Amino acid sequence: MSLAANADRTRLMAVQPARTPGRALRSLRRRLHHVLPIDVLTTHYPDQHGQVLLNLEFSRTARAAIRQAATARGQRPETSSPGA
């Protein structure tokens, strides 16, 4: 697995081969969650028209914080992620 950190070491870029973006996210989380605190994982990949799509996977802690903030504002968080 190839890894690269940004200058202030707050973000890490990883290359994780997989058949689908969802599988890449799950596989990367399994490999890194014991080593690093992970709040959000994203994939960036082109669709059939060349548009870059973004796929997000939040940690349970991050999802809970989003739900709590939405509830405090009288909103409902919209999500399509499994387990959310």
C-alpha atoms as a PDB file:
ATOM      1  CA  MET A   1       0.000   0.000   0.000  1.00  0.00           C
ATOM      2  CA  SER A   2       1.399   3.409  -0.995  1.00  0.00           C
ATOM      3  CA  LEU A   3       1.004   6.208   1.558  1.00  0.00           C
ATOM      4  CA  ALA A   4       1.794   9.945   1.476  1.00  0.00           C
ATOM      5  CA  ALA A   5       1.217  12.555   4.215  1.00  0.00           C
ATOM      6  CA  ASN A   6       0.618  16.267   3.627  1.00  0.00           C
ATOM      7  CA  ALA A   7       3.067  18.878   4.989  1.00  0.00           C
ATOM      8  CA  ASP A   8       1.361  19.386   8.364  1.00  0.00           C
ATOM      9  CA  ARG A   9       0.636  15.655   8.742  1.00  0.00           C
ATOM     10  CA  THR A  10      -3.104  16.107   9.191  1.00  0.00           C
ATOM     11  CA  ARG A  11      -4.044  14.154   6.060  1.00  0.00           C
ATOM     12  CA  LEU A  12      -2.844  10.911   4.574  1.00  0.00           C
ATOM     13  CA  MET A  13      -3.262   9.776   1.001  1.00  0.00           C
ATOM     14  CA  ALA A  14      -3.318   6.048   0.343  1.00  0.00           C
ATOM     15  CA  VAL A  15      -3.627   4.014  -2.810  1.00  0.00           C
ATOM     16  CA  GLN A  16      -5.803   0.954  -2.204  1.00  0.00           C
ATOM     17  CA  PRO A  17      -6.670  -1.213  -5.202  1.00  0.00           C
ATOM     18  CA  ALA A  18     -10.144  -2.755  -5.153  1.00  0.00           C
ATOM     19  CA  ARG A  19     -12.988  -3.698  -7.483  1.00  0.00           C
ATOM     20  CA  THR A  20     -15.272  -0.951  -6.152  1.00  0.00           C
ATOM     21  CA  PRO A  21     -14.797   2.305  -4.217  1.00  0.00           C
ATOM     22  CA  GLY A  22     -16.763   0.874  -1.279  1.00  0.00           C
ATOM     23  CA  ARG A  23     -14.489  -2.148  -1.077  1.00  0.00           C
ATOM     24  CA  ALA A  24     -11.437   0.115  -1.196  1.00  0.00           C
ATOM     25  CA  LEU A  25     -12.758   2.143   1.745  1.00  0.00           C
ATOM     26  CA  ARG A  26     -13.622  -0.927   3.826  1.00  0.00           C
ATOM     27  CA  SER A  27     -10.295  -2.591   3.114  1.00  0.00           C
ATOM     28  CA  LEU A  28      -8.303   0.531   3.930  1.00  0.00           C
ATOM     29  CA  ARG A  29     -10.207   1.112   7.178  1.00  0.00           C
ATOM     30  CA  ARG A  30      -9.560  -2.511   8.236  1.00  0.00           C
ATOM     31  CA  ARG A  31      -5.846  -2.100   7.516  1.00  0.00           C
ATOM     32  CA  LEU A  32      -5.367   1.271   9.207  1.00  0.00           C
ATOM     33  CA  HIS A  33      -7.881   1.619  12.050  1.00  0.00           C
ATOM     34  CA  HIS A  34      -5.558  -0.018  14.619  1.00  0.00           C
ATOM     35  CA  VAL A  35      -2.659   2.215  13.563  1.00  0.00           C
ATOM     36  CA  LEU A  36      -4.213   5.648  12.967  1.00  0.00           C
ATOM     37  CA  PRO A  37      -7.226   7.618  14.181  1.00  0.00           C
ATOM     38  CA  ILE A  38      -9.479   7.889  11.126  1.00  0.00           C
ATOM     39  CA  ASP A  39     -12.432  10.291  10.993  1.00  0.00           C
ATOM     40  CA  VAL A  40     -13.216  10.246   7.270  1.00  0.00           C
ATOM     41  CA  LEU A  41     -12.100   8.178   4.303  1.00  0.00           C
ATOM     42  CA  THR A  42     -12.783   9.338   0.756  1.00  0.00           C
ATOM     43  CA  THR A  43     -12.337   7.925  -2.701  1.00  0.00           C
ATOM     44  CA  HIS A  44     -11.945  10.043  -5.799  1.00  0.00           C
ATOM     45  CA  TYR A  45     -12.540   8.284  -9.102  1.00  0.00           C
ATOM     46  CA  PRO A  46     -13.778   9.196 -12.584  1.00  0.00           C
ATOM     47  CA  ASP A  47     -17.177   8.049 -13.791  1.00  0.00           C
ATOM     48  CA  GLN A  48     -17.913   6.980 -17.367  1.00  0.00           C
ATOM     49  CA  HIS A  49     -18.151  10.651 -18.429  1.00  0.00           C
ATOM     50  CA  GLY A  50     -14.828  11.661 -16.859  1.00  0.00           C
ATOM     51  CA  GLN A  51     -16.450  13.507 -13.932  1.00  0.00           C
ATOM     52  CA  VAL A  52     -14.677  12.937 -10.622  1.00  0.00           C
ATOM     53  CA  LEU A  53     -16.975  11.301  -8.074  1.00  0.00           C
ATOM     54  CA  LEU A  54     -16.440  11.496  -4.341  1.00  0.00           C
ATOM     55  CA  ASN A  55     -17.286   8.644  -1.993  1.00  0.00           C
ATOM     56  CA  LEU A  56     -17.166   9.328   1.770  1.00  0.00           C
ATOM     57  CA  GLU A  57     -17.082   6.951   4.695  1.00  0.00           C
ATOM     58  CA  PHE A  58     -17.236   8.464   8.181  1.00  0.00           C
ATOM     59  CA  SER A  59     -16.125   6.742  11.350  1.00  0.00           C
ATOM     60  CA  ARG A  60     -18.847   5.881  13.883  1.00  0.00           C
ATOM     61  CA  THR A  61     -17.654   8.754  16.054  1.00  0.00           C
ATOM     62  CA  ALA A  62     -17.839  11.220  13.166  1.00  0.00           C
ATOM     63  CA  ARG A  63     -21.325   9.991  12.173  1.00  0.00           C
ATOM     64  CA  ALA A  64     -22.518  10.405  15.773  1.00  0.00           C
ATOM     65  CA  ALA A  65     -21.138  13.963  15.899  1.00  0.00           C
ATOM     66  CA  ILE A  66     -22.893  14.814  12.612  1.00  0.00           C
ATOM     67  CA  ARG A  67     -26.194  13.401  13.887  1.00  0.00           C
ATOM     68  CA  GLN A  68     -25.863  15.280  17.180  1.00  0.00           C
ATOM     69  CA  ALA A  69     -25.098  18.582  15.425  1.00  0.00           C
ATOM     70  CA  ALA A  70     -28.025  18.103  13.019  1.00  0.00           C
ATOM     71  CA  THR A  71     -30.408  17.289  15.877  1.00  0.00           C
ATOM     72  CA  ALA A  72     -29.276  20.375  17.806  1.00  0.00           C
ATOM     73  CA  ARG A  73     -30.152  22.469  14.741  1.00  0.00           C
ATOM     74  CA  GLY A  74     -33.475  20.744  14.151  1.00  0.00           C
ATOM     75  CA  GLN A  75     -32.164  19.092  10.992  1.00  0.00           C
ATOM     76  CA  ARG A  76     -31.895  15.529   9.834  1.00  0.00           C
ATOM     77  CA  PRO A  77     -28.547  14.347   8.429  1.00  0.00           C
ATOM     78  CA  GLU A  78     -28.915  12.903   4.946  1.00  0.00           C
ATOM     79  CA  THR A  79     -26.848   9.847   4.257  1.00  0.00           C
ATOM     80  CA  SER A  80     -26.726   6.924   1.901  1.00  0.00           C
ATOM     81  CA  SER A  81     -23.907   5.089   3.621  1.00  0.00           C
ATOM     82  CA  PRO A  82     -24.537   1.601   4.980  1.00  0.00           C
ATOM     83  CA  GLY A  83     -24.859   1.368   8.723  1.00  0.00           C
ATOM     84  CA  ALA A  84     -25.590   5.048   9.173  1.00  0.00           C
END
